[in-house]
Amino acid sequence: MCMKSEYMFLMMVIPVLSNRKLRIDVYLEPLIEELFLLWHVGVLTHDHAMNQTFMMRATLMWTINDLPAYGVASEWSTADIMGCPKCMEA
């Protein structure tokens, strides 16, 4: 395998702010722009093992967060009547 393990996963930790909802876009905007570019346009990439260049497209498959962070990122109210977005129950 020609890829190094230190480049396999990108993790982002957002520090706790006094009002997270007002400032979350500051952290997510560069990520969203990059994901848009990777999915819709693609990035020209060189595969060293095959010695050829190809157009790579990528997407974000999962995020791991606690329930309050999930509510902020998805704009889902996790402390309201339907607190669980999966089962739609409190």
C-alpha atoms as a PDB file:
ATOM      1  CA  MET A   1       0.000   0.000   0.000  1.00  0.00           C
ATOM      2  CA  CYS A   2       1.466   3.317  -1.044  1.00  0.00           C
ATOM      3  CA  MET A   3      -0.427   5.529   1.429  1.00  0.00           C
ATOM      4  CA  LYS A   4       0.985   6.408   4.830  1.00  0.00           C
ATOM      5  CA  SER A   5      -1.179   5.770   7.879  1.00  0.00           C
ATOM      6  CA  GLU A   6      -0.725   9.277   9.297  1.00  0.00           C
ATOM      7  CA  TYR A   7      -2.760  10.692   6.377  1.00  0.00           C
ATOM      8  CA  MET A   8      -5.627   8.196   6.528  1.00  0.00           C
ATOM      9  CA  PHE A   9      -7.876   9.966   9.056  1.00  0.00           C
ATOM     10  CA  LEU A  10      -8.515  13.630   9.679  1.00  0.00           C
ATOM     11  CA  MET A  11      -9.977  14.539  13.030  1.00  0.00           C
ATOM     12  CA  MET A  12     -11.246  17.928  14.124  1.00  0.00           C
ATOM     13  CA  VAL A  13     -11.876  18.897  17.722  1.00  0.00           C
ATOM     14  CA  ILE A  14     -13.939  22.045  18.206  1.00  0.00           C
ATOM     15  CA  PRO A  15     -13.287  23.724  21.560  1.00  0.00           C
ATOM     16  CA  VAL A  16     -16.185  24.599  23.837  1.00  0.00           C
ATOM     17  CA  LEU A  17     -17.329  28.162  23.315  1.00  0.00           C
ATOM     18  CA  SER A  18     -19.696  30.269  25.363  1.00  0.00           C
ATOM     19  CA  ASN A  19     -22.244  30.257  22.531  1.00  0.00           C
ATOM     20  CA  ARG A  20     -21.415  27.415  20.154  1.00  0.00           C
ATOM     21  CA  LYS A  21     -24.382  27.936  17.846  1.00  0.00           C
ATOM     22  CA  LEU A  22     -23.219  31.380  16.781  1.00  0.00           C
ATOM     23  CA  ARG A  23     -19.636  30.353  15.989  1.00  0.00           C
ATOM     24  CA  ILE A  24     -19.841  26.781  14.638  1.00  0.00           C
ATOM     25  CA  ASP A  25     -19.796  27.929  11.001  1.00  0.00           C
ATOM     26  CA  VAL A  26     -16.338  29.429  11.486  1.00  0.00           C
ATOM     27  CA  TYR A  27     -14.977  25.916  11.993  1.00  0.00           C
ATOM     28  CA  LEU A  28     -17.154  24.085   9.468  1.00  0.00           C
ATOM     29  CA  GLU A  29     -17.074  26.493   6.502  1.00  0.00           C
ATOM     30  CA  PRO A  30     -13.564  25.520   5.249  1.00  0.00           C
ATOM     31  CA  LEU A  31     -14.465  21.832   5.610  1.00  0.00           C
ATOM     32  CA  ILE A  32     -17.728  22.255   3.685  1.00  0.00           C
ATOM     33  CA  GLU A  33     -15.969  24.161   0.882  1.00  0.00           C
ATOM     34  CA  GLU A  34     -13.332  21.442   0.586  1.00  0.00           C
ATOM     35  CA  LEU A  35     -15.912  18.633   0.625  1.00  0.00           C
ATOM     36  CA  PHE A  36     -17.916  20.448  -2.078  1.00  0.00           C
ATOM     37  CA  LEU A  37     -14.791  20.663  -4.232  1.00  0.00           C
ATOM     38  CA  LEU A  38     -13.898  17.007  -3.626  1.00  0.00           C
ATOM     39  CA  TRP A  39     -17.372  15.721  -4.524  1.00  0.00           C
ATOM     40  CA  HIS A  40     -18.616  17.995  -7.326  1.00  0.00           C
ATOM     41  CA  VAL A  41     -15.387  18.987  -9.076  1.00  0.00           C
ATOM     42  CA  GLY A  42     -12.838  16.392  -8.000  1.00  0.00           C
ATOM     43  CA  VAL A  43      -9.107  16.755  -7.526  1.00  0.00           C
ATOM     44  CA  LEU A  44      -6.447  15.588  -9.957  1.00  0.00           C
ATOM     45  CA  THR A  45      -4.429  12.952  -8.081  1.00  0.00           C
ATOM     46  CA  HIS A  46      -1.384  10.853  -8.958  1.00  0.00           C
ATOM     47  CA  ASP A  47      -1.350   7.160  -8.042  1.00  0.00           C
ATOM     48  CA  HIS A  48       2.307   6.306  -7.551  1.00  0.00           C
ATOM     49  CA  ALA A  49       1.727   2.525  -7.488  1.00  0.00           C
ATOM     50  CA  MET A  50      -0.061   2.495 -10.888  1.00  0.00           C
ATOM     51  CA  ASN A  51       1.959   5.457 -12.212  1.00  0.00           C
ATOM     52  CA  GLN A  52      -1.097   7.236 -13.545  1.00  0.00           C
ATOM     53  CA  THR A  53      -3.111  10.344 -12.808  1.00  0.00           C
ATOM     54  CA  PHE A  54      -6.847  10.240 -12.137  1.00  0.00           C
ATOM     55  CA  MET A  55      -9.679  12.493 -10.980  1.00  0.00           C
ATOM     56  CA  MET A  56     -10.373  11.700  -7.320  1.00  0.00           C
ATOM     57  CA  ARG A  57     -13.766  12.400  -5.757  1.00  0.00           C
ATOM     58  CA  ALA A  58     -14.437  11.976  -2.055  1.00  0.00           C
ATOM     59  CA  THR A  59     -17.214  12.396   0.484  1.00  0.00           C
ATOM     60  CA  LEU A  60     -17.677  12.545   4.239  1.00  0.00           C
ATOM     61  CA  MET A  61     -19.254   9.292   5.374  1.00  0.00           C
ATOM     62  CA  TRP A  62     -19.479   9.590   9.168  1.00  0.00           C
ATOM     63  CA  THR A  63     -19.126  12.011  12.016  1.00  0.00           C
ATOM     64  CA  ILE A  64     -18.733  11.060  15.648  1.00  0.00           C
ATOM     65  CA  ASN A  65     -20.050  13.507  18.227  1.00  0.00           C
ATOM     66  CA  ASP A  66     -21.954  13.681  21.456  1.00  0.00           C
ATOM     67  CA  LEU A  67     -25.646  14.616  21.432  1.00  0.00           C
ATOM     68  CA  PRO A  68     -25.191  18.370  22.083  1.00  0.00           C
ATOM     69  CA  ALA A  69     -22.585  18.632  19.302  1.00  0.00           C
ATOM     70  CA  TYR A  70     -24.861  16.632  17.007  1.00  0.00           C
ATOM     71  CA  GLY A  71     -27.652  19.102  17.681  1.00  0.00           C
ATOM     72  CA  VAL A  72     -25.423  22.067  16.873  1.00  0.00           C
ATOM     73  CA  ALA A  73     -23.945  20.557  13.697  1.00  0.00           C
ATOM     74  CA  SER A  74     -27.229  19.244  12.292  1.00  0.00           C
ATOM     75  CA  GLU A  75     -29.439  22.039  13.664  1.00  0.00           C
ATOM     76  CA  TRP A  76     -31.657  19.374  15.255  1.00  0.00           C
ATOM     77  CA  SER A  77     -33.125  20.189  18.649  1.00  0.00           C
ATOM     78  CA  THR A  78     -31.792  17.428  20.899  1.00  0.00           C
ATOM     79  CA  ALA A  79     -33.461  18.848  24.021  1.00  0.00           C
ATOM     80  CA  ASP A  80     -36.993  19.268  22.735  1.00  0.00           C
ATOM     81  CA  ILE A  81     -40.034  17.043  22.191  1.00  0.00           C
ATOM     82  CA  MET A  82     -38.279  14.798  19.641  1.00  0.00           C
ATOM     83  CA  GLY A  83     -34.816  14.647  21.161  1.00  0.00           C
ATOM     84  CA  CYS A  84     -33.640  11.563  19.283  1.00  0.00           C
ATOM     85  CA  PRO A  85     -33.363  12.152  15.511  1.00  0.00           C
ATOM     86  CA  LYS A  86     -33.257   8.422  14.757  1.00  0.00           C
ATOM     87  CA  CYS A  87     -36.314   7.155  16.632  1.00  0.00           C
ATOM     88  CA  MET A  88     -38.114  10.562  16.724  1.00  0.00           C
ATOM     89  CA  GLU A  89     -38.840  10.198  20.441  1.00  0.00           C
ATOM     90  CA  ALA A  90     -37.932  12.114  23.573  1.00  0.00           C
END
